[in-house]
Amino acid sequence: MNMKCMTGRRTKLPVPRPDTEGLSLWNLLCKNIGKDLSQVSMPVALNEPLNMLQVISTFIYLMASLYIRSNAFLYKCEKQPVYLNTEV
């Protein structure tokens, strides 16, 4: 008897992985030697993260950069002089 089926866990993913056999950055560059690379279309599969670690590290990097920018902006705002309108 299969123990995986008894646990109620899924045995396959709901959506199959796209076929990326033969698709790599190296193959893409080799096929386009001598061509203008700005005119070569890049397959979307090469831009996708390969695993959850890449997704998490990208998320952490983006959050850290936003945090640094917001702190720089707040520091800049604190240094701005405040002028009160005393004309009545």
PDB file of N, CA and C in Angstrom:
ATOM      1  N   MET A   1       0.842  -1.183   0.000  1.00  0.00           N
ATOM      2  CA  MET A   1       0.000   0.000   0.000  1.00  0.00           C
ATOM      3  C   MET A   1       0.888   1.248   0.000  1.00  0.00           C
ATOM      4  N   ASN A   2       0.504   2.262  -0.737  1.00  0.00           N
ATOM      5  CA  ASN A   2       1.289   3.480  -0.853  1.00  0.00           C
ATOM      6  C   ASN A   2       1.036   4.373   0.361  1.00  0.00           C
ATOM      7  N   MET A   3       2.102   4.670   1.104  1.00  0.00           N
ATOM      8  CA  MET A   3       1.975   5.476   2.322  1.00  0.00           C
ATOM      9  C   MET A   3       1.681   6.949   2.009  1.00  0.00           C
ATOM     10  N   LYS A   4       2.137   7.431   0.855  1.00  0.00           N
ATOM     11  CA  LYS A   4       1.908   8.836   0.520  1.00  0.00           C
ATOM     12  C   LYS A   4       0.424   9.120   0.317  1.00  0.00           C
ATOM     13  N   CYS A   5      -0.276   8.173  -0.270  1.00  0.00           N
ATOM     14  CA  CYS A   5      -1.708   8.374  -0.495  1.00  0.00           C
ATOM     15  C   CYS A   5      -2.488   8.351   0.817  1.00  0.00           C
ATOM     16  N   MET A   6      -1.984   7.613   1.794  1.00  0.00           N
ATOM     17  CA  MET A   6      -2.691   7.512   3.069  1.00  0.00           C
ATOM     18  C   MET A   6      -2.554   8.793   3.888  1.00  0.00           C
ATOM     19  N   THR A   7      -1.504   9.578   3.644  1.00  0.00           N
ATOM     20  CA  THR A   7      -1.299  10.790   4.422  1.00  0.00           C
ATOM     21  C   THR A   7      -2.161  11.947   3.918  1.00  0.00           C
ATOM     22  N   GLY A   8      -2.721  11.827   2.739  1.00  0.00           N
ATOM     23  CA  GLY A   8      -3.529  12.901   2.185  1.00  0.00           C
ATOM     24  C   GLY A   8      -2.706  13.963   1.486  1.00  0.00           C
ATOM     25  N   ARG A   9      -1.404  13.743   1.361  1.00  0.00           N
ATOM     26  CA  ARG A   9      -0.554  14.709   0.665  1.00  0.00           C
ATOM     27  C   ARG A   9      -0.660  14.493  -0.829  1.00  0.00           C
ATOM     28  N   ARG A  10      -0.441  15.553  -1.569  1.00  0.00           N
ATOM     29  CA  ARG A  10      -0.525  15.426  -3.012  1.00  0.00           C
ATOM     30  C   ARG A  10       0.718  14.716  -3.546  1.00  0.00           C
ATOM     31  N   THR A  11       0.534  13.988  -4.606  1.00  0.00           N
ATOM     32  CA  THR A  11       1.640  13.246  -5.205  1.00  0.00           C
ATOM     33  C   THR A  11       2.200  13.930  -6.438  1.00  0.00           C
ATOM     34  N   LYS A  12       1.479  14.910  -7.002  1.00  0.00           N
ATOM     35  CA  LYS A  12       1.992  15.675  -8.131  1.00  0.00           C
ATOM     36  C   LYS A  12       1.488  17.102  -8.032  1.00  0.00           C
ATOM     37  N   LEU A  13       2.192  17.999  -8.671  1.00  0.00           N
ATOM     38  CA  LEU A  13       1.819  19.407  -8.655  1.00  0.00           C
ATOM     39  C   LEU A  13       0.604  19.638  -9.547  1.00  0.00           C
ATOM     40  N   PRO A  14      -0.225  20.650  -9.221  1.00  0.00           N
ATOM     41  CA  PRO A  14      -1.428  20.889 -10.010  1.00  0.00           C
ATOM     42  C   PRO A  14      -1.140  21.368 -11.429  1.00  0.00           C
ATOM     43  N   VAL A  15      -0.028  22.053 -11.642  1.00  0.00           N
ATOM     44  CA  VAL A  15       0.319  22.555 -12.968  1.00  0.00           C
ATOM     45  C   VAL A  15       1.687  21.984 -13.340  1.00  0.00           C
ATOM     46  N   PRO A  16       1.811  21.365 -14.496  1.00  0.00           N
ATOM     47  CA  PRO A  16       3.116  20.816 -14.870  1.00  0.00           C
ATOM     48  C   PRO A  16       4.112  21.928 -15.160  1.00  0.00           C
ATOM     49  N   ARG A  17       5.388  21.631 -14.905  1.00  0.00           N
ATOM     50  CA  ARG A  17       6.445  22.586 -15.207  1.00  0.00           C
ATOM     51  C   ARG A  17       6.571  22.757 -16.714  1.00  0.00           C
ATOM     52  N   PRO A  18       6.863  23.960 -17.171  1.00  0.00           N
ATOM     53  CA  PRO A  18       7.045  24.150 -18.614  1.00  0.00           C
ATOM     54  C   PRO A  18       8.299  23.413 -19.090  1.00  0.00           C
ATOM     55  N   ASP A  19       8.271  22.963 -20.315  1.00  0.00           N
ATOM     56  CA  ASP A  19       9.403  22.237 -20.880  1.00  0.00           C
ATOM     57  C   ASP A  19      10.519  23.219 -21.205  1.00  0.00           C
ATOM     58  N   THR A  20      11.592  23.162 -20.442  1.00  0.00           N
ATOM     59  CA  THR A  20      12.719  24.071 -20.658  1.00  0.00           C
ATOM     60  C   THR A  20      13.952  23.302 -21.095  1.00  0.00           C
ATOM     61  N   GLU A  21      13.756  22.109 -21.639  1.00  0.00           N
ATOM     62  CA  GLU A  21      14.891  21.319 -22.087  1.00  0.00           C
ATOM     63  C   GLU A  21      15.544  22.004 -23.281  1.00  0.00           C
ATOM     64  N   GLY A  22      16.835  22.165 -23.212  1.00  0.00           N
ATOM     65  CA  GLY A  22      17.564  22.839 -24.276  1.00  0.00           C
ATOM     66  C   GLY A  22      17.488  24.352 -24.190  1.00  0.00           C
ATOM     67  N   LEU A  23      16.842  24.874 -23.184  1.00  0.00           N
ATOM     68  CA  LEU A  23      16.713  26.317 -23.029  1.00  0.00           C
ATOM     69  C   LEU A  23      17.639  26.768 -21.909  1.00  0.00           C
ATOM     70  N   SER A  24      18.700  27.438 -22.282  1.00  0.00           N
ATOM     71  CA  SER A  24      19.613  27.980 -21.291  1.00  0.00           C
ATOM     72  C   SER A  24      20.213  29.258 -21.856  1.00  0.00           C
ATOM     73  N   LEU A  25      20.771  30.030 -20.988  1.00  0.00           N
ATOM     74  CA  LEU A  25      21.370  31.291 -21.429  1.00  0.00           C
ATOM     75  C   LEU A  25      22.527  31.030 -22.377  1.00  0.00           C
ATOM     76  N   TRP A  26      23.293  29.980 -22.096  1.00  0.00           N
ATOM     77  CA  TRP A  26      24.438  29.643 -22.942  1.00  0.00           C
ATOM     78  C   TRP A  26      23.973  29.276 -24.358  1.00  0.00           C
ATOM     79  N   ASN A  27      22.927  28.430 -24.468  1.00  0.00           N
ATOM     80  CA  ASN A  27      22.404  28.050 -25.783  1.00  0.00           C
ATOM     81  C   ASN A  27      21.869  29.267 -26.523  1.00  0.00           C
ATOM     82  N   LEU A  28      21.200  30.148 -25.804  1.00  0.00           N
ATOM     83  CA  LEU A  28      20.650  31.351 -26.424  1.00  0.00           C
ATOM     84  C   LEU A  28      21.766  32.230 -26.990  1.00  0.00           C
ATOM     85  N   LEU A  29      22.851  32.392 -26.233  1.00  0.00           N
ATOM     86  CA  LEU A  29      23.968  33.215 -26.707  1.00  0.00           C
ATOM     87  C   LEU A  29      24.690  32.557 -27.875  1.00  0.00           C
ATOM     88  N   CYS A  30      24.847  31.227 -27.826  1.00  0.00           N
ATOM     89  CA  CYS A  30      25.526  30.529 -28.923  1.00  0.00           C
ATOM     90  C   CYS A  30      24.744  30.637 -30.231  1.00  0.00           C
ATOM     91  N   LYS A  31      23.436  30.578 -30.165  1.00  0.00           N
ATOM     92  CA  LYS A  31      22.611  30.672 -31.365  1.00  0.00           C
ATOM     93  C   LYS A  31      22.636  32.076 -31.966  1.00  0.00           C
ATOM     94  N   ASN A  32      22.952  33.075 -31.159  1.00  0.00           N
ATOM     95  CA  ASN A  32      22.870  34.466 -31.613  1.00  0.00           C
ATOM     96  C   ASN A  32      24.229  35.143 -31.683  1.00  0.00           C
ATOM     97  N   ILE A  33      25.292  34.367 -31.873  1.00  0.00           N
ATOM     98  CA  ILE A  33      26.632  34.951 -32.009  1.00  0.00           C
ATOM     99  C   ILE A  33      26.667  35.802 -33.275  1.00  0.00           C
ATOM    100  N   GLY A  34      27.159  37.000 -33.136  1.00  0.00           N
ATOM    101  CA  GLY A  34      27.274  37.903 -34.271  1.00  0.00           C
ATOM    102  C   GLY A  34      26.041  38.741 -34.526  1.00  0.00           C
ATOM    103  N   LYS A  35      24.985  38.491 -33.786  1.00  0.00           N
ATOM    104  CA  LYS A  35      23.760  39.272 -33.968  1.00  0.00           C
ATOM    105  C   LYS A  35      23.696  40.374 -32.915  1.00  0.00           C
ATOM    106  N   ASP A  36      22.872  41.342 -33.171  1.00  0.00           N
ATOM    107  CA  ASP A  36      22.642  42.405 -32.211  1.00  0.00           C
ATOM    108  C   ASP A  36      21.760  41.852 -31.091  1.00  0.00           C
ATOM    109  N   LEU A  37      22.307  41.715 -29.873  1.00  0.00           N
ATOM    110  CA  LEU A  37      21.571  41.084 -28.787  1.00  0.00           C
ATOM    111  C   LEU A  37      20.411  41.931 -28.278  1.00  0.00           C
ATOM    112  N   SER A  38      20.393  43.218 -28.627  1.00  0.00           N
ATOM    113  CA  SER A  38      19.254  44.030 -28.197  1.00  0.00           C
ATOM    114  C   SER A  38      18.005  43.678 -28.996  1.00  0.00           C
ATOM    115  N   GLN A  39      18.177  43.034 -30.158  1.00  0.00           N
ATOM    116  CA  GLN A  39      17.039  42.648 -30.988  1.00  0.00           C
ATOM    117  C   GLN A  39      16.571  41.219 -30.721  1.00  0.00           C
ATOM    118  N   VAL A  40      17.305  40.472 -29.873  1.00  0.00           N
ATOM    119  CA  VAL A  40      16.962  39.075 -29.598  1.00  0.00           C
ATOM    120  C   VAL A  40      15.941  39.040 -28.473  1.00  0.00           C
ATOM    121  N   SER A  41      14.860  38.323 -28.695  1.00  0.00           N
ATOM    122  CA  SER A  41      13.849  38.216 -27.645  1.00  0.00           C
ATOM    123  C   SER A  41      14.298  37.186 -26.612  1.00  0.00           C
ATOM    124  N   MET A  42      14.104  37.520 -25.367  1.00  0.00           N
ATOM    125  CA  MET A  42      14.530  36.666 -24.263  1.00  0.00           C
ATOM    126  C   MET A  42      13.352  35.824 -23.803  1.00  0.00           C
ATOM    127  N   PRO A  43      13.505  34.507 -23.721  1.00  0.00           N
ATOM    128  CA  PRO A  43      12.407  33.675 -23.239  1.00  0.00           C
ATOM    129  C   PRO A  43      12.055  34.001 -21.788  1.00  0.00           C
ATOM    130  N   VAL A  44      10.774  33.989 -21.483  1.00  0.00           N
ATOM    131  CA  VAL A  44      10.311  34.335 -20.145  1.00  0.00           C
ATOM    132  C   VAL A  44      10.811  33.321 -19.117  1.00  0.00           C
ATOM    133  N   ALA A  45      10.996  32.078 -19.529  1.00  0.00           N
ATOM    134  CA  ALA A  45      11.417  31.030 -18.598  1.00  0.00           C
ATOM    135  C   ALA A  45      12.781  31.322 -17.986  1.00  0.00           C
ATOM    136  N   LEU A  46      13.627  32.091 -18.677  1.00  0.00           N
ATOM    137  CA  LEU A  46      14.943  32.419 -18.122  1.00  0.00           C
ATOM    138  C   LEU A  46      14.851  33.487 -17.040  1.00  0.00           C
ATOM    139  N   ASN A  47      13.779  34.259 -17.012  1.00  0.00           N
ATOM    140  CA  ASN A  47      13.634  35.317 -16.021  1.00  0.00           C
ATOM    141  C   ASN A  47      12.994  34.837 -14.726  1.00  0.00           C
ATOM    142  N   GLU A  48      12.365  33.674 -14.753  1.00  0.00           N
ATOM    143  CA  GLU A  48      11.667  33.167 -13.585  1.00  0.00           C
ATOM    144  C   GLU A  48      12.658  32.598 -12.577  1.00  0.00           C
ATOM    145  N   PRO A  49      12.400  32.776 -11.286  1.00  0.00           N
ATOM    146  CA  PRO A  49      13.278  32.177 -10.280  1.00  0.00           C
ATOM    147  C   PRO A  49      13.199  30.655 -10.330  1.00  0.00           C
ATOM    148  N   LEU A  50      14.316  30.007 -10.023  1.00  0.00           N
ATOM    149  CA  LEU A  50      14.376  28.554 -10.119  1.00  0.00           C
ATOM    150  C   LEU A  50      13.792  27.854  -8.904  1.00  0.00           C
ATOM    151  N   ASN A  51      13.912  28.462  -7.750  1.00  0.00           N
ATOM    152  CA  ASN A  51      13.408  27.797  -6.551  1.00  0.00           C
ATOM    153  C   ASN A  51      12.947  28.843  -5.539  1.00  0.00           C
ATOM    154  N   MET A  52      12.419  28.359  -4.438  1.00  0.00           N
ATOM    155  CA  MET A  52      11.865  29.249  -3.416  1.00  0.00           C
ATOM    156  C   MET A  52      12.946  30.117  -2.772  1.00  0.00           C
ATOM    157  N   LEU A  53      14.175  29.614  -2.689  1.00  0.00           N
ATOM    158  CA  LEU A  53      15.264  30.397  -2.103  1.00  0.00           C
ATOM    159  C   LEU A  53      15.518  31.667  -2.906  1.00  0.00           C
ATOM    160  N   GLN A  54      15.467  31.569  -4.232  1.00  0.00           N
ATOM    161  CA  GLN A  54      15.656  32.750  -5.067  1.00  0.00           C
ATOM    162  C   GLN A  54      14.506  33.735  -4.900  1.00  0.00           C
ATOM    163  N   VAL A  55      13.290  33.231  -4.764  1.00  0.00           N
ATOM    164  CA  VAL A  55      12.130  34.107  -4.571  1.00  0.00           C
ATOM    165  C   VAL A  55      12.266  34.865  -3.260  1.00  0.00           C
ATOM    166  N   ILE A  56      12.615  34.159  -2.189  1.00  0.00           N
ATOM    167  CA  ILE A  56      12.739  34.789  -0.872  1.00  0.00           C
ATOM    168  C   ILE A  56      13.893  35.782  -0.852  1.00  0.00           C
ATOM    169  N   SER A  57      15.038  35.416  -1.443  1.00  0.00           N
ATOM    170  CA  SER A  57      16.182  36.333  -1.427  1.00  0.00           C
ATOM    171  C   SER A  57      15.895  37.590  -2.239  1.00  0.00           C
ATOM    172  N   THR A  58      15.177  37.461  -3.344  1.00  0.00           N
ATOM    173  CA  THR A  58      14.795  38.638  -4.121  1.00  0.00           C
ATOM    174  C   THR A  58      13.864  39.534  -3.326  1.00  0.00           C
ATOM    175  N   PHE A  59      12.896  38.929  -2.641  1.00  0.00           N
ATOM    176  CA  PHE A  59      11.968  39.690  -1.814  1.00  0.00           C
ATOM    177  C   PHE A  59      12.711  40.438  -0.699  1.00  0.00           C
ATOM    178  N   ILE A  60      13.635  39.756  -0.017  1.00  0.00           N
ATOM    179  CA  ILE A  60      14.398  40.389   1.064  1.00  0.00           C
ATOM    180  C   ILE A  60      15.254  41.529   0.521  1.00  0.00           C
ATOM    181  N   TYR A  61      15.869  41.336  -0.641  1.00  0.00           N
ATOM    182  CA  TYR A  61      16.690  42.386  -1.240  1.00  0.00           C
ATOM    183  C   TYR A  61      15.848  43.619  -1.568  1.00  0.00           C
ATOM    184  N   LEU A  62      14.662  43.404  -2.148  1.00  0.00           N
ATOM    185  CA  LEU A  62      13.800  44.534  -2.490  1.00  0.00           C
ATOM    186  C   LEU A  62      13.306  45.259  -1.245  1.00  0.00           C
ATOM    187  N   MET A  63      12.943  44.514  -0.206  1.00  0.00           N
ATOM    188  CA  MET A  63      12.487  45.145   1.032  1.00  0.00           C
ATOM    189  C   MET A  63      13.612  45.941   1.693  1.00  0.00           C
ATOM    190  N   ALA A  64      14.823  45.398   1.655  1.00  0.00           N
ATOM    191  CA  ALA A  64      15.966  46.111   2.243  1.00  0.00           C
ATOM    192  C   ALA A  64      16.248  47.407   1.487  1.00  0.00           C
ATOM    193  N   SER A  65      16.167  47.359   0.153  1.00  0.00           N
ATOM    194  CA  SER A  65      16.432  48.579  -0.616  1.00  0.00           C
ATOM    195  C   SER A  65      15.341  49.626  -0.378  1.00  0.00           C
ATOM    196  N   LEU A  66      14.082  49.184  -0.238  1.00  0.00           N
ATOM    197  CA  LEU A  66      13.011  50.138   0.084  1.00  0.00           C
ATOM    198  C   LEU A  66      13.204  50.740   1.472  1.00  0.00           C
ATOM    199  N   TYR A  67      13.640  49.926   2.412  1.00  0.00           N
ATOM    200  CA  TYR A  67      13.893  50.407   3.770  1.00  0.00           C
ATOM    201  C   TYR A  67      14.998  51.465   3.776  1.00  0.00           C
ATOM    202  N   ILE A  68      16.064  51.218   3.027  1.00  0.00           N
ATOM    203  CA  ILE A  68      17.175  52.167   2.958  1.00  0.00           C
ATOM    204  C   ILE A  68      16.718  53.476   2.310  1.00  0.00           C
ATOM    205  N   ARG A  69      15.944  53.382   1.227  1.00  0.00           N
ATOM    206  CA  ARG A  69      15.450  54.596   0.564  1.00  0.00           C
ATOM    207  C   ARG A  69      14.520  55.398   1.468  1.00  0.00           C
ATOM    208  N   SER A  70      13.651  54.710   2.202  1.00  0.00           N
ATOM    209  CA  SER A  70      12.716  55.432   3.061  1.00  0.00           C
ATOM    210  C   SER A  70      13.451  56.112   4.207  1.00  0.00           C
ATOM    211  N   ASN A  71      14.458  55.464   4.758  1.00  0.00           N
ATOM    212  CA  ASN A  71      15.241  56.106   5.815  1.00  0.00           C
ATOM    213  C   ASN A  71      15.994  57.321   5.304  1.00  0.00           C
ATOM    214  N   ALA A  72      16.529  57.216   4.097  1.00  0.00           N
ATOM    215  CA  ALA A  72      17.234  58.357   3.509  1.00  0.00           C
ATOM    216  C   ALA A  72      16.267  59.519   3.275  1.00  0.00           C
ATOM    217  N   PHE A  73      15.066  59.207   2.830  1.00  0.00           N
ATOM    218  CA  PHE A  73      14.066  60.244   2.597  1.00  0.00           C
ATOM    219  C   PHE A  73      13.649  60.900   3.911  1.00  0.00           C
ATOM    220  N   LEU A  74      13.412  60.092   4.947  1.00  0.00           N
ATOM    221  CA  LEU A  74      13.016  60.655   6.242  1.00  0.00           C
ATOM    222  C   LEU A  74      14.127  61.513   6.835  1.00  0.00           C
ATOM    223  N   TYR A  75      15.376  61.085   6.681  1.00  0.00           N
ATOM    224  CA  TYR A  75      16.502  61.866   7.182  1.00  0.00           C
ATOM    225  C   TYR A  75      16.580  63.196   6.441  1.00  0.00           C
ATOM    226  N   LYS A  76      16.333  63.151   5.123  1.00  0.00           N
ATOM    227  CA  LYS A  76      16.354  64.376   4.325  1.00  0.00           C
ATOM    228  C   LYS A  76      15.235  65.321   4.760  1.00  0.00           C
ATOM    229  N   CYS A  77      14.055  64.759   5.076  1.00  0.00           N
ATOM    230  CA  CYS A  77      12.920  65.591   5.508  1.00  0.00           C
ATOM    231  C   CYS A  77      13.178  66.218   6.869  1.00  0.00           C
ATOM    232  N   GLU A  78      13.882  65.506   7.744  1.00  0.00           N
ATOM    233  CA  GLU A  78      14.174  66.055   9.065  1.00  0.00           C
ATOM    234  C   GLU A  78      15.117  67.245   8.974  1.00  0.00           C
ATOM    235  N   LYS A  79      15.964  67.296   7.951  1.00  0.00           N
ATOM    236  CA  LYS A  79      16.935  68.373   7.805  1.00  0.00           C
ATOM    237  C   LYS A  79      16.351  69.604   7.134  1.00  0.00           C
ATOM    238  N   GLN A  80      15.143  69.505   6.592  1.00  0.00           N
ATOM    239  CA  GLN A  80      14.519  70.645   5.940  1.00  0.00           C
ATOM    240  C   GLN A  80      14.103  71.678   6.989  1.00  0.00           C
ATOM    241  N   PRO A  81      14.415  72.939   6.782  1.00  0.00           N
ATOM    242  CA  PRO A  81      13.971  73.959   7.733  1.00  0.00           C
ATOM    243  C   PRO A  81      12.461  74.178   7.633  1.00  0.00           C
ATOM    244  N   VAL A  82      11.868  74.464   8.743  1.00  0.00           N
ATOM    245  CA  VAL A  82      10.428  74.716   8.792  1.00  0.00           C
ATOM    246  C   VAL A  82      10.232  76.223   8.941  1.00  0.00           C
ATOM    247  N   TYR A  83       9.461  76.821   8.034  1.00  0.00           N
ATOM    248  CA  TYR A  83       9.192  78.254   8.083  1.00  0.00           C
ATOM    249  C   TYR A  83       7.731  78.447   8.482  1.00  0.00           C
ATOM    250  N   LEU A  84       7.515  79.301   9.445  1.00  0.00           N
ATOM    251  CA  LEU A  84       6.162  79.600   9.891  1.00  0.00           C
ATOM    252  C   LEU A  84       5.706  80.893   9.214  1.00  0.00           C
ATOM    253  N   ASN A  85       4.499  80.903   8.789  1.00  0.00           N
ATOM    254  CA  ASN A  85       3.943  82.091   8.177  1.00  0.00           C
ATOM    255  C   ASN A  85       3.440  83.008   9.310  1.00  0.00           C
ATOM    256  N   THR A  86       4.135  84.116   9.512  1.00  0.00           N
ATOM    257  CA  THR A  86       3.786  85.023  10.593  1.00  0.00           C
ATOM    258  C   THR A  86       2.951  86.216  10.120  1.00  0.00           C
ATOM    259  N   GLU A  87       2.660  86.253   8.833  1.00  0.00           N
ATOM    260  CA  GLU A  87       1.853  87.363   8.318  1.00  0.00           C
ATOM    261  C   GLU A  87       0.403  87.124   8.694  1.00  0.00           C
ATOM    262  N   VAL A  88      -0.226  88.160   9.232  1.00  0.00           N
ATOM    263  CA  VAL A  88      -1.652  88.058   9.628  1.00  0.00           C
ATOM    264  C   VAL A  88      -2.451  89.075   8.859  1.00  0.00           C
TER     265      VAL A  88
END
